Amino acid sequence: MPADQPRFTAFSRLLHWLMAAMILTTLGIGTAMWASLGSYHALVALHRPLGIAILVLAGVRLVNRLFNPPPPLPASISRVERLAAVGAEYTMYGLMIALPLVGWGMLSAAHYPAVMWGSFHLPEILPHSAPLYAVLRKAHTVLAAGFLLVILSHLAAVLFHSLVVGDGLWRRMVPWPVRSGAAQPAEPSASPTARKAGAG
């Protein structure tokens, strides 16, 4: 990576990794809800507040993006890859907002209390309707599967550029400090005997 290539701000990186952990956890819980009916209610109790927290943090992340635009991509990334990266980014932002809202609407349509913690409930945002609930439930599942595919494609692109192209793309977002440039190992100094042989 060039020494002058900028990175995301510390706050942007914090939001990225915090939300990445929350999103993967929420997707994992959603999958487990289908496979473990015995733990369904306990899993839902975790799934709901995580989803709303992701919705709130997505708003914070959008505001942060206005004040801290992302650094430019490396020159090694082609125009097609740039368009794909922007498309994937906007898709992920849209899903970070759409998935929690669809889940919230699904609970409202089922007339099911959206409990966050204790006695705090979210208000209903849609009227009670069994057909609407069925549509939103299906939409929630399809959107979650699509979100996972977008995440995997994003990860694959970063790994490709980091391991194959070697342009240091991953360094823009890692949470730990990164030196601007790797020091090149100095050539070993020749021994006096070798210098004399070379001089001859």
C-alpha atoms as a PDB file:
ATOM      1  CA  MET A   1       0.000   0.000   0.000  1.00  0.00           C
ATOM      2  CA  PRO A   2       1.388   3.437  -0.842  1.00  0.00           C
ATOM      3  CA  ALA A   3       2.636   5.374   2.148  1.00  0.00           C
ATOM      4  CA  ASP A   4       0.241   8.263   1.457  1.00  0.00           C
ATOM      5  CA  GLN A   5      -2.916   6.149   0.975  1.00  0.00           C
ATOM      6  CA  PRO A   6      -5.456   7.320   3.577  1.00  0.00           C
ATOM      7  CA  ARG A   7      -7.543   5.085   5.840  1.00  0.00           C
ATOM      8  CA  PHE A   8     -11.040   5.312   7.228  1.00  0.00           C
ATOM      9  CA  THR A   9     -11.307   7.378  10.407  1.00  0.00           C
ATOM     10  CA  ALA A  10     -11.107   5.579  13.741  1.00  0.00           C
ATOM     11  CA  PHE A  11     -14.826   6.168  14.382  1.00  0.00           C
ATOM     12  CA  SER A  12     -15.753   4.839  10.934  1.00  0.00           C
ATOM     13  CA  ARG A  13     -13.696   1.715  11.562  1.00  0.00           C
ATOM     14  CA  LEU A  14     -15.301   1.248  14.983  1.00  0.00           C
ATOM     15  CA  LEU A  15     -18.788   1.481  13.466  1.00  0.00           C
ATOM     16  CA  HIS A  16     -17.829  -0.914  10.663  1.00  0.00           C
ATOM     17  CA  TRP A  17     -16.566  -3.698  12.916  1.00  0.00           C
ATOM     18  CA  LEU A  18     -19.211  -3.217  15.604  1.00  0.00           C
ATOM     19  CA  MET A  19     -21.975  -3.437  13.021  1.00  0.00           C
ATOM     20  CA  ALA A  20     -20.286  -6.338  11.223  1.00  0.00           C
ATOM     21  CA  ALA A  21     -20.278  -8.330  14.468  1.00  0.00           C
ATOM     22  CA  MET A  22     -23.900  -7.396  15.219  1.00  0.00           C
ATOM     23  CA  ILE A  23     -25.133  -8.177  11.695  1.00  0.00           C
ATOM     24  CA  LEU A  24     -23.419 -11.570  11.532  1.00  0.00           C
ATOM     25  CA  THR A  25     -24.736 -12.396  15.005  1.00  0.00           C
ATOM     26  CA  THR A  26     -28.256 -11.389  14.018  1.00  0.00           C
ATOM     27  CA  LEU A  27     -28.115 -13.424  10.805  1.00  0.00           C
ATOM     28  CA  GLY A  28     -26.801 -16.396  12.775  1.00  0.00           C
ATOM     29  CA  ILE A  29     -29.578 -16.072  15.339  1.00  0.00           C
ATOM     30  CA  GLY A  30     -32.148 -15.816  12.553  1.00  0.00           C
ATOM     31  CA  THR A  31     -30.848 -19.055  11.045  1.00  0.00           C
ATOM     32  CA  ALA A  32     -30.845 -20.768  14.453  1.00  0.00           C
ATOM     33  CA  MET A  33     -34.467 -19.712  14.990  1.00  0.00           C
ATOM     34  CA  TRP A  34     -35.470 -21.952  12.093  1.00  0.00           C
ATOM     35  CA  ALA A  35     -33.389 -24.900  13.262  1.00  0.00           C
ATOM     36  CA  SER A  36     -34.076 -24.794  17.014  1.00  0.00           C
ATOM     37  CA  LEU A  37     -37.745 -24.416  17.826  1.00  0.00           C
ATOM     38  CA  GLY A  38     -37.079 -25.266  21.461  1.00  0.00           C
ATOM     39  CA  SER A  39     -34.978 -22.106  21.882  1.00  0.00           C
ATOM     40  CA  TYR A  40     -37.108 -19.963  19.557  1.00  0.00           C
ATOM     41  CA  HIS A  41     -38.396 -17.474  22.139  1.00  0.00           C
ATOM     42  CA  ALA A  42     -34.967 -16.971  23.727  1.00  0.00           C
ATOM     43  CA  LEU A  43     -33.434 -16.384  20.299  1.00  0.00           C
ATOM     44  CA  VAL A  44     -36.179 -13.937  19.313  1.00  0.00           C
ATOM     45  CA  ALA A  45     -35.537 -12.015  22.537  1.00  0.00           C
ATOM     46  CA  LEU A  46     -31.962 -11.463  21.306  1.00  0.00           C
ATOM     47  CA  HIS A  47     -32.852 -10.973  17.642  1.00  0.00           C
ATOM     48  CA  ARG A  48     -35.283  -8.076  18.164  1.00  0.00           C
ATOM     49  CA  PRO A  49     -33.062  -5.622  20.089  1.00  0.00           C
ATOM     50  CA  LEU A  50     -30.056  -6.427  17.908  1.00  0.00           C
ATOM     51  CA  GLY A  51     -32.074  -5.648  14.789  1.00  0.00           C
ATOM     52  CA  ILE A  52     -33.253  -2.295  16.162  1.00  0.00           C
ATOM     53  CA  ALA A  53     -29.715  -1.459  17.323  1.00  0.00           C
ATOM     54  CA  ILE A  54     -28.482  -2.128  13.778  1.00  0.00           C
ATOM     55  CA  LEU A  55     -31.194   0.182  12.425  1.00  0.00           C
ATOM     56  CA  VAL A  56     -30.115   2.981  14.791  1.00  0.00           C
ATOM     57  CA  LEU A  57     -26.411   2.496  14.067  1.00  0.00           C
ATOM     58  CA  ALA A  58     -27.099   2.474  10.327  1.00  0.00           C
ATOM     59  CA  GLY A  59     -28.493   5.988  10.726  1.00  0.00           C
ATOM     60  CA  VAL A  60     -25.430   7.010  12.754  1.00  0.00           C
ATOM     61  CA  ARG A  61     -23.197   5.503  10.088  1.00  0.00           C
ATOM     62  CA  LEU A  62     -24.909   7.434   7.291  1.00  0.00           C
ATOM     63  CA  VAL A  63     -24.492  10.704   9.184  1.00  0.00           C
ATOM     64  CA  ASN A  64     -20.863   9.855   9.918  1.00  0.00           C
ATOM     65  CA  ARG A  65     -20.320   9.188   6.216  1.00  0.00           C
ATOM     66  CA  LEU A  66     -21.468  12.725   5.392  1.00  0.00           C
ATOM     67  CA  PHE A  67     -18.808  14.198   7.667  1.00  0.00           C
ATOM     68  CA  ASN A  68     -16.135  11.544   7.014  1.00  0.00           C
ATOM     69  CA  PRO A  69     -16.255  10.440   3.363  1.00  0.00           C
ATOM     70  CA  PRO A  70     -14.492   7.148   2.586  1.00  0.00           C
ATOM     71  CA  PRO A  71     -10.916   7.339   1.340  1.00  0.00           C
ATOM     72  CA  PRO A  72     -10.327   6.752  -2.379  1.00  0.00           C
ATOM     73  CA  LEU A  73      -9.913   3.206  -3.599  1.00  0.00           C
ATOM     74  CA  PRO A  74      -6.468   2.014  -4.745  1.00  0.00           C
ATOM     75  CA  ALA A  75      -5.568   2.646  -8.380  1.00  0.00           C
ATOM     76  CA  SER A  76      -5.370  -1.121  -8.934  1.00  0.00           C
ATOM     77  CA  ILE A  77      -9.175  -1.381  -8.784  1.00  0.00           C
ATOM     78  CA  SER A  78     -10.782  -1.209 -12.224  1.00  0.00           C
ATOM     79  CA  ARG A  79     -13.779   0.934 -13.157  1.00  0.00           C
ATOM     80  CA  VAL A  80     -16.072  -2.119 -13.207  1.00  0.00           C
ATOM     81  CA  GLU A  81     -14.860  -3.145  -9.741  1.00  0.00           C
ATOM     82  CA  ARG A  82     -15.444   0.389  -8.463  1.00  0.00           C
ATOM     83  CA  LEU A  83     -19.011   0.355  -9.732  1.00  0.00           C
ATOM     84  CA  ALA A  84     -19.558  -3.077  -8.162  1.00  0.00           C
ATOM     85  CA  ALA A  85     -18.076  -1.887  -4.860  1.00  0.00           C
ATOM     86  CA  VAL A  86     -20.321   1.183  -4.774  1.00  0.00           C
ATOM     87  CA  GLY A  87     -23.354  -0.931  -5.682  1.00  0.00           C
ATOM     88  CA  ALA A  88     -22.578  -3.470  -2.962  1.00  0.00           C
ATOM     89  CA  GLU A  89     -22.030  -0.691  -0.430  1.00  0.00           C
ATOM     90  CA  TYR A  90     -25.369   0.987  -1.143  1.00  0.00           C
ATOM     91  CA  THR A  91     -27.084  -2.409  -1.135  1.00  0.00           C
ATOM     92  CA  MET A  92     -25.683  -3.158   2.315  1.00  0.00           C
ATOM     93  CA  TYR A  93     -26.770   0.244   3.627  1.00  0.00           C
ATOM     94  CA  GLY A  94     -30.254  -0.351   2.219  1.00  0.00           C
ATOM     95  CA  LEU A  95     -30.483  -3.798   3.798  1.00  0.00           C
ATOM     96  CA  MET A  96     -29.200  -2.537   7.163  1.00  0.00           C
ATOM     97  CA  ILE A  97     -32.248  -0.262   7.194  1.00  0.00           C
ATOM     98  CA  ALA A  98     -34.790  -2.419   5.350  1.00  0.00           C
ATOM     99  CA  LEU A  99     -34.316  -5.677   7.271  1.00  0.00           C
ATOM    100  CA  PRO A 100     -35.014  -4.254  10.756  1.00  0.00           C
ATOM    101  CA  LEU A 101     -37.964  -2.234   9.420  1.00  0.00           C
ATOM    102  CA  VAL A 102     -39.451  -5.289   7.702  1.00  0.00           C
ATOM    103  CA  GLY A 103     -38.984  -7.301  10.908  1.00  0.00           C
ATOM    104  CA  TRP A 104     -40.612  -4.551  12.946  1.00  0.00           C
ATOM    105  CA  GLY A 105     -43.486  -4.328  10.485  1.00  0.00           C
ATOM    106  CA  MET A 106     -43.832  -8.119  10.556  1.00  0.00           C
ATOM    107  CA  LEU A 107     -44.304  -8.070  14.332  1.00  0.00           C
ATOM    108  CA  SER A 108     -46.818  -5.245  14.024  1.00  0.00           C
ATOM    109  CA  ALA A 109     -48.803  -7.080  11.350  1.00  0.00           C
ATOM    110  CA  ALA A 110     -48.904 -10.150  13.618  1.00  0.00           C
ATOM    111  CA  HIS A 111     -50.010  -7.944  16.528  1.00  0.00           C
ATOM    112  CA  TYR A 112     -47.043  -9.357  18.410  1.00  0.00           C
ATOM    113  CA  PRO A 113     -45.370  -7.107  21.032  1.00  0.00           C
ATOM    114  CA  ALA A 114     -41.987  -5.849  19.880  1.00  0.00           C
ATOM    115  CA  VAL A 115     -40.289  -6.161  23.268  1.00  0.00           C
ATOM    116  CA  MET A 116     -36.877  -4.569  23.535  1.00  0.00           C
ATOM    117  CA  TRP A 117     -36.095  -5.066  27.193  1.00  0.00           C
ATOM    118  CA  GLY A 118     -38.202  -5.197  30.338  1.00  0.00           C
ATOM    119  CA  SER A 119     -41.451  -3.343  29.819  1.00  0.00           C
ATOM    120  CA  PHE A 120     -40.186  -1.234  26.912  1.00  0.00           C
ATOM    121  CA  HIS A 121     -42.067  -2.117  23.708  1.00  0.00           C
ATOM    122  CA  LEU A 122     -41.781  -0.562  20.284  1.00  0.00           C
ATOM    123  CA  PRO A 123     -44.996   0.938  18.898  1.00  0.00           C
ATOM    124  CA  GLU A 124     -46.765  -0.850  16.064  1.00  0.00           C
ATOM    125  CA  ILE A 125     -45.994   0.621  12.647  1.00  0.00           C
ATOM    126  CA  LEU A 126     -48.430  -1.444  10.560  1.00  0.00           C
ATOM    127  CA  PRO A 127     -52.037  -2.593  11.063  1.00  0.00           C
ATOM    128  CA  HIS A 128     -52.805  -6.142  12.164  1.00  0.00           C
ATOM    129  CA  SER A 129     -53.086  -8.311   9.050  1.00  0.00           C
ATOM    130  CA  ALA A 130     -52.357 -12.019   8.677  1.00  0.00           C
ATOM    131  CA  PRO A 131     -51.751 -11.824   4.875  1.00  0.00           C
ATOM    132  CA  LEU A 132     -49.415  -8.846   5.331  1.00  0.00           C
ATOM    133  CA  TYR A 133     -47.556 -10.733   8.047  1.00  0.00           C
ATOM    134  CA  ALA A 134     -47.044 -13.698   5.719  1.00  0.00           C
ATOM    135  CA  VAL A 135     -45.648 -11.444   2.966  1.00  0.00           C
ATOM    136  CA  LEU A 136     -43.313  -9.603   5.344  1.00  0.00           C
ATOM    137  CA  ARG A 137     -42.100 -12.836   6.914  1.00  0.00           C
ATOM    138  CA  LYS A 138     -41.143 -14.173   3.486  1.00  0.00           C
ATOM    139  CA  ALA A 139     -39.557 -10.852   2.544  1.00  0.00           C
ATOM    140  CA  HIS A 140     -37.531 -10.825   5.767  1.00  0.00           C
ATOM    141  CA  THR A 141     -36.122 -14.274   4.987  1.00  0.00           C
ATOM    142  CA  VAL A 142     -35.294 -13.420   1.366  1.00  0.00           C
ATOM    143  CA  LEU A 143     -33.647 -10.108   2.306  1.00  0.00           C
ATOM    144  CA  ALA A 144     -31.577 -11.813   5.021  1.00  0.00           C
ATOM    145  CA  ALA A 145     -30.321 -14.409   2.521  1.00  0.00           C
ATOM    146  CA  GLY A 146     -29.493 -11.647   0.050  1.00  0.00           C
ATOM    147  CA  PHE A 147     -27.657  -9.705   2.746  1.00  0.00           C
ATOM    148  CA  LEU A 148     -25.494 -12.732   3.523  1.00  0.00           C
ATOM    149  CA  LEU A 149     -24.620 -13.126  -0.163  1.00  0.00           C
ATOM    150  CA  VAL A 150     -23.632  -9.458  -0.443  1.00  0.00           C
ATOM    151  CA  ILE A 151     -21.472  -9.756   2.683  1.00  0.00           C
ATOM    152  CA  LEU A 152     -19.735 -12.846   1.284  1.00  0.00           C
ATOM    153  CA  SER A 153     -19.089 -11.137  -2.061  1.00  0.00           C
ATOM    154  CA  HIS A 154     -17.668  -8.104  -0.239  1.00  0.00           C
ATOM    155  CA  LEU A 155     -15.385 -10.329   1.819  1.00  0.00           C
ATOM    156  CA  ALA A 156     -14.284 -12.264  -1.280  1.00  0.00           C
ATOM    157  CA  ALA A 157     -13.374  -9.029  -3.085  1.00  0.00           C
ATOM    158  CA  VAL A 158     -11.302  -7.782  -0.148  1.00  0.00           C
ATOM    159  CA  LEU A 159      -9.491 -11.126   0.168  1.00  0.00           C
ATOM    160  CA  PHE A 160      -8.816 -11.215  -3.580  1.00  0.00           C
ATOM    161  CA  HIS A 161      -7.242  -7.759  -3.567  1.00  0.00           C
ATOM    162  CA  SER A 162      -5.314  -8.447  -0.373  1.00  0.00           C
ATOM    163  CA  LEU A 163      -3.986 -11.928  -1.177  1.00  0.00           C
ATOM    164  CA  VAL A 164      -3.828 -11.973  -4.988  1.00  0.00           C
ATOM    165  CA  VAL A 165      -3.486  -8.368  -6.165  1.00  0.00           C
ATOM    166  CA  GLY A 166      -1.598  -7.324  -3.029  1.00  0.00           C
ATOM    167  CA  ASP A 167      -2.692  -3.680  -3.093  1.00  0.00           C
ATOM    168  CA  GLY A 168      -3.288  -3.460   0.684  1.00  0.00           C
ATOM    169  CA  LEU A 169      -7.017  -2.790   0.330  1.00  0.00           C
ATOM    170  CA  TRP A 170      -7.715  -4.431   3.703  1.00  0.00           C
ATOM    171  CA  ARG A 171      -5.520  -1.920   5.528  1.00  0.00           C
ATOM    172  CA  ARG A 172      -8.039   0.878   4.963  1.00  0.00           C
ATOM    173  CA  MET A 173     -10.462  -0.654   7.474  1.00  0.00           C
ATOM    174  CA  VAL A 174      -8.513  -2.793   9.961  1.00  0.00           C
ATOM    175  CA  PRO A 175      -9.080  -1.650  13.568  1.00  0.00           C
ATOM    176  CA  TRP A 176      -5.430  -1.827  14.618  1.00  0.00           C
ATOM    177  CA  PRO A 177      -2.694   0.690  13.739  1.00  0.00           C
ATOM    178  CA  VAL A 178      -0.958   0.030  10.430  1.00  0.00           C
ATOM    179  CA  ARG A 179       2.426   1.359   9.439  1.00  0.00           C
ATOM    180  CA  SER A 180       2.212   3.480   6.315  1.00  0.00           C
ATOM    181  CA  GLY A 181       4.843   1.473   4.523  1.00  0.00           C
ATOM    182  CA  ALA A 182       6.682  -1.720   5.167  1.00  0.00           C
ATOM    183  CA  ALA A 183      10.385  -1.221   5.604  1.00  0.00           C
ATOM    184  CA  GLN A 184      12.414  -2.892   2.911  1.00  0.00           C
ATOM    185  CA  PRO A 185      15.120  -5.194   4.296  1.00  0.00           C
ATOM    186  CA  ALA A 186      18.561  -3.807   3.778  1.00  0.00           C
ATOM    187  CA  GLU A 187      20.886  -5.747   1.555  1.00  0.00           C
ATOM    188  CA  PRO A 188      23.523  -7.596   3.585  1.00  0.00           C
ATOM    189  CA  SER A 189      26.837  -5.845   3.465  1.00  0.00           C
ATOM    190  CA  ALA A 190      29.495  -7.751   1.624  1.00  0.00           C
ATOM    191  CA  SER A 191      32.384  -9.157   3.557  1.00  0.00           C
ATOM    192  CA  PRO A 192      35.871  -7.667   3.004  1.00  0.00           C
ATOM    193  CA  THR A 193      36.870 -10.833   1.139  1.00  0.00           C
ATOM    194  CA  ALA A 194      33.904 -10.557  -1.184  1.00  0.00           C
ATOM    195  CA  ARG A 195      34.612  -6.866  -1.805  1.00  0.00           C
ATOM    196  CA  LYS A 196      38.190  -7.654  -2.749  1.00  0.00           C
ATOM    197  CA  ALA A 197      37.002 -10.440  -5.071  1.00  0.00           C
ATOM    198  CA  GLY A 198      34.508  -8.083  -6.694  1.00  0.00           C
ATOM    199  CA  ALA A 199      37.136  -5.407  -7.101  1.00  0.00           C
ATOM    200  CA  GLY A 200      39.312  -7.891  -8.934  1.00  0.00           C
END
